[in-house]
Amino acid sequence: MVSDEDLRSIHIKACIVDGKKIVAARALIDSGAQRIFINQQFAEKHQFPLLKLEKKIPISNVDNSPNKNGPIRHYTQLPTKVNGNI
């Protein structure tokens, strides 16, 4: 059975490449996103380098309310493989 949430989302299998380490991940395709995002807990768990932004990026939810996690404060730069392509 497919949940309503699964019908509204597109997930793909991806790999994040960090030096010699490759981390399998399930990526969410969001055609409305203005940038590419990664979950902070996922990044910390896999010890991806988090670099501090000079200026925080405010985040709003679909209903335009502020996101409960606050603004984005860090970023990382990692190659990502989808279907074997970087």
N, C-alpha and C. Protein backbone atom coordinates (compact mmCIF):
# COMPACT_ATOMS: atom_id res chain seq x y z
N MET A 1 0.83 -1.17 0.00
CA MET A 1 0.00 0.00 0.00
C MET A 1 0.88 1.24 0.00
N VAL A 2 0.50 2.26 -0.78
CA VAL A 2 1.25 3.50 -0.89
C VAL A 2 0.52 4.57 -0.09
N SER A 3 1.25 5.23 0.81
CA SER A 3 0.62 6.27 1.63
C SER A 3 0.42 7.55 0.80
N ASP A 4 -0.47 8.43 1.29
CA ASP A 4 -0.68 9.71 0.62
C ASP A 4 0.60 10.51 0.53
N GLU A 5 1.43 10.41 1.57
CA GLU A 5 2.69 11.14 1.57
C GLU A 5 3.59 10.67 0.43
N ASP A 6 3.64 9.37 0.18
CA ASP A 6 4.46 8.83 -0.90
C ASP A 6 3.96 9.29 -2.26
N LEU A 7 2.66 9.51 -2.41
CA LEU A 7 2.11 9.97 -3.69
C LEU A 7 2.47 11.42 -3.98
N ARG A 8 2.75 12.22 -2.95
CA ARG A 8 3.07 13.63 -3.14
C ARG A 8 4.57 13.88 -3.21
N SER A 9 5.37 12.86 -3.04
CA SER A 9 6.82 13.02 -3.00
C SER A 9 7.49 12.09 -4.00
N ILE A 10 8.64 12.52 -4.50
CA ILE A 10 9.45 11.67 -5.36
C ILE A 10 10.78 11.48 -4.66
N HIS A 11 11.11 10.23 -4.35
CA HIS A 11 12.37 9.89 -3.71
C HIS A 11 13.23 9.10 -4.71
N ILE A 12 14.53 9.33 -4.68
CA ILE A 12 15.46 8.56 -5.50
C ILE A 12 16.60 8.06 -4.64
N LYS A 13 17.24 6.99 -5.07
CA LYS A 13 18.44 6.51 -4.38
C LYS A 13 19.63 7.31 -4.89
N ALA A 14 20.45 7.76 -3.97
CA ALA A 14 21.62 8.56 -4.32
C ALA A 14 22.78 8.16 -3.42
N CYS A 15 23.99 8.52 -3.82
CA CYS A 15 25.19 8.31 -3.01
C CYS A 15 25.89 9.65 -2.87
N ILE A 16 26.33 9.96 -1.67
CA ILE A 16 27.09 11.17 -1.42
C ILE A 16 28.54 10.75 -1.26
N VAL A 17 29.43 11.40 -2.00
CA VAL A 17 30.84 11.03 -2.01
C VAL A 17 31.62 12.05 -1.21
N ASP A 18 32.27 11.58 -0.13
CA ASP A 18 33.06 12.45 0.73
C ASP A 18 34.47 11.87 0.80
N GLY A 19 35.34 12.31 -0.09
CA GLY A 19 36.68 11.75 -0.15
C GLY A 19 36.60 10.29 -0.56
N LYS A 20 37.07 9.39 0.28
CA LYS A 20 37.02 7.95 0.00
C LYS A 20 35.76 7.30 0.52
N LYS A 21 34.95 8.06 1.29
CA LYS A 21 33.74 7.52 1.88
C LYS A 21 32.56 7.78 0.96
N ILE A 22 31.73 6.74 0.74
CA ILE A 22 30.51 6.87 -0.05
C ILE A 22 29.34 6.53 0.87
N VAL A 23 28.38 7.43 0.98
CA VAL A 23 27.23 7.24 1.86
C VAL A 23 25.97 7.12 1.01
N ALA A 24 25.28 5.99 1.13
CA ALA A 24 24.02 5.80 0.43
C ALA A 24 22.95 6.65 1.10
N ALA A 25 22.10 7.25 0.30
CA ALA A 25 21.05 8.12 0.84
C ALA A 25 19.81 8.03 -0.04
N ARG A 26 18.70 8.38 0.54
CA ARG A 26 17.45 8.49 -0.21
C ARG A 26 17.17 9.98 -0.35
N ALA A 27 17.14 10.47 -1.58
CA ALA A 27 16.96 11.90 -1.83
C ALA A 27 15.51 12.20 -2.17
N LEU A 28 15.04 13.34 -1.71
CA LEU A 28 13.69 13.81 -2.01
C LEU A 28 13.79 14.84 -3.12
N ILE A 29 13.05 14.62 -4.20
CA ILE A 29 13.01 15.59 -5.29
C ILE A 29 11.90 16.58 -4.99
N ASP A 30 12.25 17.85 -4.90
CA ASP A 30 11.27 18.90 -4.62
C ASP A 30 11.40 19.94 -5.72
N SER A 31 10.49 19.91 -6.68
CA SER A 31 10.58 20.81 -7.82
C SER A 31 10.37 22.27 -7.43
N GLY A 32 9.86 22.51 -6.24
CA GLY A 32 9.65 23.88 -5.78
C GLY A 32 10.80 24.44 -4.96
N ALA A 33 11.78 23.60 -4.65
CA ALA A 33 12.91 24.07 -3.84
C ALA A 33 13.77 25.03 -4.65
N GLN A 34 14.24 26.07 -4.00
CA GLN A 34 15.07 27.04 -4.70
C GLN A 34 16.56 26.71 -4.58
N ARG A 35 16.89 25.75 -3.74
CA ARG A 35 18.29 25.32 -3.55
C ARG A 35 18.29 23.84 -3.23
N ILE A 36 19.47 23.30 -3.01
CA ILE A 36 19.60 21.90 -2.63
C ILE A 36 19.90 21.87 -1.13
N PHE A 37 19.15 21.05 -0.38
CA PHE A 37 19.28 21.00 1.07
C PHE A 37 19.68 19.62 1.54
N ILE A 38 20.31 19.54 2.71
CA ILE A 38 20.64 18.27 3.35
C ILE A 38 20.26 18.40 4.82
N ASN A 39 19.76 17.33 5.38
CA ASN A 39 19.37 17.30 6.78
C ASN A 39 20.62 17.43 7.65
N GLN A 40 20.60 18.34 8.61
CA GLN A 40 21.78 18.59 9.45
C GLN A 40 22.17 17.36 10.27
N GLN A 41 21.19 16.65 10.82
CA GLN A 41 21.50 15.46 11.61
C GLN A 41 22.15 14.38 10.74
N PHE A 42 21.69 14.24 9.49
CA PHE A 42 22.28 13.28 8.55
C PHE A 42 23.73 13.67 8.27
N ALA A 43 23.98 14.96 8.03
CA ALA A 43 25.34 15.44 7.75
C ALA A 43 26.26 15.21 8.94
N GLU A 44 25.77 15.49 10.14
CA GLU A 44 26.58 15.29 11.34
C GLU A 44 26.84 13.81 11.59
N LYS A 45 25.83 12.97 11.40
CA LYS A 45 25.98 11.53 11.60
C LYS A 45 27.10 10.96 10.72
N HIS A 46 27.18 11.45 9.48
CA HIS A 46 28.18 10.93 8.54
C HIS A 46 29.44 11.79 8.49
N GLN A 47 29.54 12.73 9.43
CA GLN A 47 30.72 13.58 9.61
C GLN A 47 31.10 14.34 8.33
N PHE A 48 30.08 14.86 7.62
CA PHE A 48 30.35 15.71 6.47
C PHE A 48 30.82 17.06 6.98
N PRO A 49 31.75 17.70 6.28
CA PRO A 49 32.23 19.01 6.73
C PRO A 49 31.13 20.06 6.62
N LEU A 50 30.82 20.72 7.74
CA LEU A 50 29.83 21.79 7.75
C LEU A 50 30.57 23.12 7.87
N LEU A 51 30.37 23.98 6.91
CA LEU A 51 31.04 25.28 6.87
C LEU A 51 30.03 26.37 7.22
N LYS A 52 30.43 27.33 8.03
CA LYS A 52 29.51 28.37 8.49
C LYS A 52 29.26 29.38 7.37
N LEU A 53 27.98 29.69 7.15
CA LEU A 53 27.61 30.71 6.18
C LEU A 53 27.94 32.09 6.72
N GLU A 54 28.31 33.02 5.86
CA GLU A 54 28.53 34.40 6.29
C GLU A 54 27.21 35.04 6.71
N LYS A 55 26.14 34.70 6.00
CA LYS A 55 24.82 35.25 6.30
C LYS A 55 23.82 34.11 6.38
N LYS A 56 23.03 34.06 7.46
CA LYS A 56 22.03 33.01 7.63
C LYS A 56 20.97 33.12 6.54
N ILE A 57 20.40 31.95 6.13
CA ILE A 57 19.33 31.92 5.12
C ILE A 57 18.03 31.59 5.83
N PRO A 58 17.08 32.55 5.86
CA PRO A 58 15.80 32.26 6.51
C PRO A 58 15.01 31.23 5.72
N ILE A 59 14.29 30.35 6.41
CA ILE A 59 13.51 29.30 5.78
C ILE A 59 12.05 29.46 6.18
N SER A 60 11.18 29.39 5.18
CA SER A 60 9.74 29.44 5.43
C SER A 60 9.11 28.14 4.99
N ASN A 61 8.07 27.73 5.67
CA ASN A 61 7.30 26.55 5.29
C ASN A 61 6.36 26.91 4.15
N VAL A 62 5.68 25.91 3.62
CA VAL A 62 4.75 26.11 2.50
C VAL A 62 3.70 27.17 2.84
N ASP A 63 3.25 27.20 4.09
CA ASP A 63 2.22 28.18 4.49
C ASP A 63 2.83 29.54 4.85
N ASN A 64 4.11 29.72 4.54
CA ASN A 64 4.86 30.95 4.79
C ASN A 64 5.19 31.21 6.25
N SER A 65 4.96 30.24 7.14
CA SER A 65 5.36 30.38 8.54
C SER A 65 6.85 30.06 8.65
N PRO A 66 7.56 30.62 9.63
CA PRO A 66 8.99 30.32 9.79
C PRO A 66 9.18 28.85 10.17
N ASN A 67 10.22 28.24 9.64
CA ASN A 67 10.51 26.84 9.95
C ASN A 67 10.96 26.73 11.40
N LYS A 68 10.50 25.67 12.11
CA LYS A 68 10.80 25.51 13.53
C LYS A 68 12.30 25.33 13.80
N ASN A 69 13.08 24.89 12.80
CA ASN A 69 14.51 24.69 13.00
C ASN A 69 15.31 25.97 12.80
N GLY A 70 14.62 27.05 12.44
CA GLY A 70 15.30 28.33 12.25
C GLY A 70 16.01 28.41 10.91
N PRO A 71 16.83 29.44 10.74
CA PRO A 71 17.50 29.65 9.46
C PRO A 71 18.63 28.64 9.22
N ILE A 72 19.04 28.55 7.96
CA ILE A 72 20.20 27.71 7.62
C ILE A 72 21.44 28.49 8.01
N ARG A 73 22.34 27.83 8.75
CA ARG A 73 23.55 28.49 9.24
C ARG A 73 24.83 27.91 8.67
N HIS A 74 24.72 26.70 8.07
CA HIS A 74 25.91 26.01 7.56
C HIS A 74 25.65 25.45 6.17
N TYR A 75 26.73 25.11 5.47
CA TYR A 75 26.63 24.45 4.17
C TYR A 75 27.74 23.43 4.05
N THR A 76 27.62 22.57 3.06
CA THR A 76 28.67 21.60 2.75
C THR A 76 28.75 21.47 1.24
N GLN A 77 29.87 21.03 0.73
CA GLN A 77 30.04 20.82 -0.71
C GLN A 77 30.51 19.39 -0.92
N LEU A 78 29.62 18.56 -1.44
CA LEU A 78 29.92 17.15 -1.64
C LEU A 78 29.36 16.70 -2.99
N PRO A 79 30.17 15.96 -3.78
CA PRO A 79 29.62 15.39 -5.01
C PRO A 79 28.55 14.35 -4.68
N THR A 80 27.53 14.27 -5.49
CA THR A 80 26.43 13.33 -5.30
C THR A 80 26.27 12.49 -6.57
N LYS A 81 26.14 11.18 -6.39
CA LYS A 81 25.93 10.29 -7.53
C LYS A 81 24.47 9.88 -7.60
N VAL A 82 23.88 9.99 -8.77
CA VAL A 82 22.53 9.52 -9.03
C VAL A 82 22.60 8.66 -10.29
N ASN A 83 22.16 7.41 -10.20
CA ASN A 83 22.26 6.46 -11.31
C ASN A 83 23.69 6.32 -11.82
N GLY A 84 24.65 6.38 -10.90
CA GLY A 84 26.05 6.19 -11.25
C GLY A 84 26.74 7.42 -11.81
N ASN A 85 26.02 8.52 -11.97
CA ASN A 85 26.59 9.76 -12.52
C ASN A 85 26.76 10.80 -11.41
N ILE A 86 27.89 11.50 -11.45
CA ILE A 86 28.15 12.57 -10.47
C ILE A 86 27.57 13.86 -10.99
